Amino acid sequence: MRLSELHTGEKAYIVKVNGSGAFRKRLLEMGFVRGQEVTSILNAPLKDPIKYHIMEYEVSLRRSEAVMIEISMVKHDIPLYEKTSYDIDREEPIAENQNKHAEPSPKQHKDSKTITVALVGNPNSGKTSIFNIASGSHEHVGNYGGVTVDSKEGKLKHNGYTFRMIDLPGTYSLSAYTPEELFVRKYILDEKPDIIINVVSASSLERNMYLTTELMELDAPMVIALNMYDELQSSKREFDYSLLSKMIDIPIIPTIGKKGFGIPAMLNKIIEMYESQSQNGSGNVHISYGRVLEKSISRLEQEFEDTDISHLNMPLRYLCIKLLENDKDIQEIVRTLPHHEKIFSRVERERNYIENLLREDPESAFTNARYGFVDGGLRETLSEKTNISETTRILDTIVTNKYFGFPLFFVFMWVMFEATFRLGSYPMEWIEWVVQVVGNFIRANMADGPLKDLLVDGIVGGVGGVIVFLPNIVILYAFISFMEDSGYMARAAFIMDKVMHKIGLHGKSFIPLIMGFGCNVPAILATRTIESRSSRMITMLINPLMSCSARLPIYILFVSAFFPKHASIALFSIYIFGILLAVILSKLFRKTLFKEENTPFVMELPPYRMPTVKSTVTHMWDKSRQYLQKMGGIILIASIVIWFLGYFPRNQANDIQFDNQIEQTSNLFSQGEITAQKKDSIVSNIKTMQASSHQENSYIGKIGHFIEPVMRPLGFDWKISVSLISGMAAKEIVISTLGVLYPGDSENQESLQTRLKSETYSDGSPVFTPLVAIGLMLFVLIYFPCIATIVAIKEESGSWKWGLFVIIYTTSLAWFVALITHQIGLLFL
């Protein structure tokens, strides 16, 4: 019987995982091992994927993957993986064949007062929470895999020591399956941190401690942080962690990362280990893999007797185990050694030996043995779990329901944009009022001159036009933070997988795409959690079409100015258009550039957790700080540069001519030939003509007129064209440029919306119309991502080729879409 045939609510037992390659290995590492109980929980709204409960956690698989797993409805006919026996007096498992090459490292006295600590753990184990509490950093904590997509470093002082803490990406194992796994393994082997903190989720011990067994094989000094200990306590389960600590000879410290509980005790234990140089786990405890596997390990070790592997920075036993597991990365390393042909010949013979005797491949045999080691320890120290979380079950019944799942998701997205616009409009008006007051104060109290013009038109007009949208950015990030922290983001990926599958992507691609609504850069980095390179590349290439928060101020500016009665719908439509465009391009890229087979869908579904106020506020504050830093950095500089290009060169002869016209008008008024109202009107028109003439002959005017023929069919004048060019650095600069190029009334600081709506061509027709606003928003949605996004794509793809490809295809597509929109709009409006 196959796992895909298991009905909702039924339970069965794993017999065998068929197939081959990295996907099969991932299934084994995530607990789909012989004899393990698995329960079918529910189907996604479109009947695919399916959520299963295994090893005290929940995971989703597509039917096409579940069919690869053989199951039995009864347990007694399945040979379970062998349990490891323990001898507490010896403080180590009884092993049939201890490794003769595994000698403890000699103790060395260390005088340094700096301790390098690496945090290693599964996704959702709470690593980053511990890192933030301990180091005082403010990395975002999300309740789904892949939040930490690169290593983060923080420092703290404790009891006279400086701790250099490295938060490594979340990983399920140390195999060569994903970039995170390779990154973590390479860091541990090459950098050799003084202590490893293995963060283990107390709510899913058996699955989490699989990684612990691999860290033990590295002979690395280690402390286990038993995190989320409060969840274990609330489950009413008994866990004798002190006894387990004695069994495996590794300190275990209960912690609650989000509250800081246990952190001081953990730091004290690290200091104690560092000072004594007690090499816990270094040659003292080795997992017994059974007679057959241990014999193969021993024989393979003998092949290295005359080979120096000290430069490889890894224990010989670990090297041999990974060769037997067919680890591709380790194989590449061994190929650099002399006599590697002889070594690989022995590896092949031993793999055949294992398969012939155990009737399973070495990868399965080692995985079963590691889970047997973990299971043996937990059976003696951890009481049985009584039931699945009722809260998670009830919420999943609602949010993944086949009738309510998709409507709830779209309602949530609509509420997010409605709140972003409606709630943000009030503080936005307050900030806008402050900007107007500041601008008018400078106008009234400074003498005319370049400095006054720079402050009023360049800085206040440019930066002030952008800063008013800060509240909208904060509200948007509050919603995204809630989706991540609560666990709903993973459910959204779950219900969307079949849709993503239809367009040639993976359910996991949905998470980076949603993250793109916040910022495209971390979203590009988050694609590392997607195992298939082709799906990872497609996700990177379409991610810029997700409207990041930098584009939001532009949308709000034009939506509130030209569509005030339907603002939320207009805003929502822009985002939906970007998503639909991404779908079309994803299918196109899959059929042309990346014709690889579909990616398997294996994703952990973390339990629901109530986001803490502190976490949400911290996330909002960090994004606000970054936004304000942009105001004082790149946007301020860009505003000054744009002002400078628009202010110079000065044409004195032209200015004198306009000044003479103003003087003549004043003389006519003095002679009583025109009224005061007529005089003011004429003077105002002359000043407008003067400003327009100066702008057109300025440096930026010449640039704008040069590119205007290309942009005019889109309905854009030269000023709009210039603002779009400046927006290539950062999208907010589009607004600051518009604020500089459309200064409005020279006597009164008006809002940018008012200035844009009152701008006209020489024939009196408006520059900005609803049709122009739509075309401009679509162009901004699609064209050239910011430079930081291009750099991120280059780094993650490994080539500038893809960064340049994104620049060319997005800008060309933006021009084409805006052209069609404007020309068709002219036919009907």
Foldseek 3Di string as FASTA:
>chain_A
DFQLPADAFAKWFFADADDDDDVSLVCLLQASFWLWMKHFHAAFLVRPWTWMDTLLFIKTFGSVRRRRIDTGSDRPVTDAQAAWDFDLVLLETDAPDAAPQQDFDDDDADPALEFEEEEEWAQQLCLVLQVCLAQVDQQARFRFFQSCLAWDWGWDDDPSGIYTYIYAHHDQALFPQFPSSVVVVCCCLPVVGQEYEYRAELSRHLSTCLRVLRVLQQLHHYAYEHEPVVVVVVLVKFFPVVSLCSHQVHHYFYYHSNVGPRSNVVVVVSVVCNRRVPSRSRSSYHQHLDDLVVVLLNVLLVVCPPWDCVVVSGDSSSLSLCLQLVRPVSLVVLVVTPPSVVSNVSSVVSQVSCCVVVVDGSSSSVSSSSSSHSVNSCVVGIDDRDDRDPVQSVVCCQCRPSVRNVVVVVVLVLVLLVCLQPVLVVQLVVLLVVLQVVLLVLLVPDDDDDVSLCVNQQQSLQLSQLLSSLSSLLSNLLSVSQCGHFLVLLVQLRNCQVVQVVLQAGSQLSSLLVCLQAPNQSSLSSLSVQRDPLNNLLSLLLSLLQNHPLLVSLLSLLCCLAPVVCSSVSVVVSRVVSVVVSSVVSSVCCVPVNVDDGGIHITTRGGGDRDDPVSSVSSSVVSSVVSVVCSVPVSSVLSSVLLVQQQDDDDVVLVVVLVVVLVVLVVCVVVVNDDPVVSVVVNQVSVVVSSVVSRCPGRLNVVLVVCQVLCVLLLAHSQLVSLVVSCQQPVSSSSSSLSNSQVADSNGRDRSSVSQQCDDDPVRHHSDHSLSSVLSSLLSSFARHHPSSLVSSCVVSVHNVSSVVSRVVRNVVSSVVSSVSNVVVVVPD
